[in-house]
Amino acid sequence: MSGNKTWKILQIVPAQSGWKAVHCDQSADREIKIYNRAIICWALVQPMGEGAVDQTEVRGMEQNLHGLIVVDDVIQKEGAGENETDRNQYFLGYNDPDAHKESDYWMKQGHERIRMEKEKRSTQEGQAALRIAI
């Protein structure tokens, strides 16, 4: 199952040089890795698909192997991989070219996000087990 969203792009404007989207993931040895990706432009977007809320938001757009994508979490697979490592990439926030937040800040954000995702997954697995037992 994929948690990736589909977005309808309503408008695009260029981004000031220096803006970055900050993502994190967990390596096989359980280290948190931080990725900074350049924001190419800003987009006014609307979520599409099942469960989408009818509202707009401004999101950065970044380059990937297949073209420009709207900045979001990248859910590769549900659950944890070997050794309980989390294989997903989570969007942490935008790094303003004037702010230059330090890597320690983003490392703390990354650790917190991975912890929260593991708790959420554990709760969902517990609820699924309870439904089966009932």
Protein backbone atom coordinates (compact mmCIF):
# COMPACT_ATOMS: atom_id res chain seq x y z
CA MET A 1 0.00 0.00 0.00
CA SER A 2 1.27 3.47 -0.81
CA GLY A 3 0.65 6.57 1.27
CA ASN A 4 1.83 8.90 -1.50
CA LYS A 5 -0.65 11.60 -2.46
CA THR A 6 -1.71 12.76 -5.88
CA TRP A 7 -1.83 16.51 -6.35
CA LYS A 8 -3.60 18.75 -8.84
CA ILE A 9 -1.38 21.75 -9.63
CA LEU A 10 -3.38 24.97 -9.94
CA GLN A 11 -0.57 27.50 -10.27
CA ILE A 12 3.24 27.60 -10.29
CA VAL A 13 5.63 30.45 -9.40
CA PRO A 14 9.46 30.44 -9.39
CA ALA A 15 11.28 29.86 -6.10
CA GLN A 16 13.97 32.15 -4.74
CA SER A 17 17.38 30.51 -4.96
CA GLY A 18 18.46 28.69 -1.80
CA TRP A 19 15.17 27.16 -0.61
CA LYS A 20 15.48 23.46 0.30
CA ALA A 21 13.04 20.71 1.18
CA VAL A 22 14.42 18.66 4.07
CA HIS A 23 13.65 14.92 4.20
CA CYS A 24 14.84 12.10 6.44
CA ASP A 25 14.98 8.33 6.37
CA GLN A 26 16.56 5.56 8.39
CA SER A 27 19.49 3.50 7.09
CA ALA A 28 19.86 -0.25 7.57
CA ASP A 29 22.06 0.39 10.64
CA ARG A 30 19.25 2.57 12.09
CA GLU A 31 21.01 5.90 11.51
CA ILE A 32 18.89 8.88 10.57
CA LYS A 33 19.93 10.42 7.24
CA ILE A 34 18.96 13.96 6.27
CA TYR A 35 18.47 15.02 2.63
CA ASN A 36 18.28 18.61 1.38
CA ARG A 37 16.67 18.98 -2.03
CA ALA A 38 16.48 22.25 -3.94
CA ILE A 39 13.05 23.79 -4.39
CA ILE A 40 12.64 24.51 -8.11
CA CYS A 41 9.32 26.36 -7.82
CA TRP A 42 6.29 26.80 -5.56
CA ALA A 43 2.92 25.36 -6.52
CA LEU A 44 -0.61 26.02 -5.38
CA VAL A 45 -1.95 22.47 -5.17
CA GLN A 46 -5.08 20.57 -4.26
CA PRO A 47 -4.98 16.96 -3.01
CA MET A 48 -6.75 14.45 -5.27
CA GLY A 49 -8.13 10.96 -4.79
CA GLU A 50 -9.87 9.00 -2.07
CA GLY A 51 -10.14 10.85 1.23
CA ALA A 52 -8.80 14.11 -0.22
CA VAL A 53 -9.96 17.28 1.49
CA ASP A 54 -11.20 20.06 -0.81
CA GLN A 55 -8.62 22.70 0.11
CA THR A 56 -5.56 24.24 -1.45
CA GLU A 57 -2.05 24.60 -0.08
CA VAL A 58 1.30 25.91 -1.25
CA ARG A 59 3.96 23.24 -1.67
CA GLY A 60 7.49 23.28 -2.99
CA MET A 61 8.37 21.26 -6.06
CA GLU A 62 11.64 19.35 -6.28
CA GLN A 63 13.44 17.32 -8.93
CA ASN A 64 13.48 13.53 -8.83
CA LEU A 65 14.57 10.94 -11.41
CA HIS A 66 11.31 11.24 -13.35
CA GLY A 67 10.74 15.02 -13.33
CA LEU A 68 9.34 17.58 -10.91
CA ILE A 69 7.32 16.33 -7.95
CA VAL A 70 5.34 18.03 -5.21
CA VAL A 71 7.22 17.91 -1.90
CA ASP A 72 5.69 15.28 0.41
CA ASP A 73 6.51 12.06 2.27
CA VAL A 74 7.72 9.21 0.05
CA ILE A 75 6.12 6.02 1.35
CA GLN A 76 8.00 3.08 -0.17
CA LYS A 77 6.41 0.32 1.85
CA GLU A 78 4.17 0.00 4.84
CA GLY A 79 5.73 -1.20 8.04
CA ALA A 80 9.35 -1.54 9.00
CA GLY A 81 12.10 -3.32 7.15
CA GLU A 82 14.75 -5.61 8.54
CA ASN A 83 15.91 -4.75 12.08
CA GLU A 84 12.81 -2.53 12.47
CA THR A 85 14.33 0.13 10.20
CA ASP A 86 11.92 2.52 8.54
CA ARG A 87 12.39 2.52 4.74
CA ASN A 88 10.21 5.58 4.04
CA GLN A 89 11.38 9.14 3.44
CA TYR A 90 9.58 11.77 5.49
CA PHE A 91 9.32 15.45 4.68
CA LEU A 92 10.45 17.50 7.69
CA GLY A 93 10.11 21.07 6.46
CA TYR A 94 11.59 23.80 4.33
CA ASN A 95 14.99 25.34 4.93
CA ASP A 96 14.77 29.08 4.28
CA PRO A 97 17.84 30.49 2.47
CA ASP A 98 18.12 33.21 5.12
CA ALA A 99 17.63 30.96 8.16
CA HIS A 100 20.14 28.17 7.40
CA LYS A 101 18.96 25.96 10.23
CA GLU A 102 21.74 23.79 11.54
CA SER A 103 21.95 20.06 10.90
CA ASP A 104 21.43 19.36 14.63
CA TYR A 105 17.96 20.89 14.36
CA TRP A 106 17.05 18.67 11.39
CA MET A 107 18.55 15.56 13.05
CA LYS A 108 16.30 16.14 16.09
CA GLN A 109 13.31 16.62 13.78
CA GLY A 110 14.22 13.42 11.91
CA HIS A 111 14.53 11.32 15.08
CA GLU A 112 11.20 12.64 16.34
CA ARG A 113 9.42 11.95 13.04
CA ILE A 114 10.75 8.36 12.80
CA ARG A 115 9.71 7.77 16.45
CA MET A 116 6.19 9.12 15.80
CA GLU A 117 5.78 7.01 12.64
CA LYS A 118 6.83 3.85 14.52
CA GLU A 119 4.33 4.61 17.31
CA LYS A 120 1.58 5.23 14.75
CA ARG A 121 2.41 1.96 12.96
CA SER A 122 2.45 0.06 16.27
CA THR A 123 -0.96 1.48 17.23
CA GLN A 124 -2.42 0.58 13.83
CA GLU A 125 -1.03 -2.97 14.06
CA GLY A 126 -2.50 -3.33 17.58
CA GLN A 127 -5.91 -2.15 16.38
CA ALA A 128 -5.79 -4.57 13.44
CA ALA A 129 -4.94 -7.45 15.80
CA LEU A 130 -7.82 -6.45 18.09
CA ARG A 131 -10.27 -6.43 15.16
CA ILE A 132 -9.12 -9.92 14.16
CA ALA A 133 -9.51 -11.18 17.74
CA ILE A 134 -13.06 -9.81 17.97
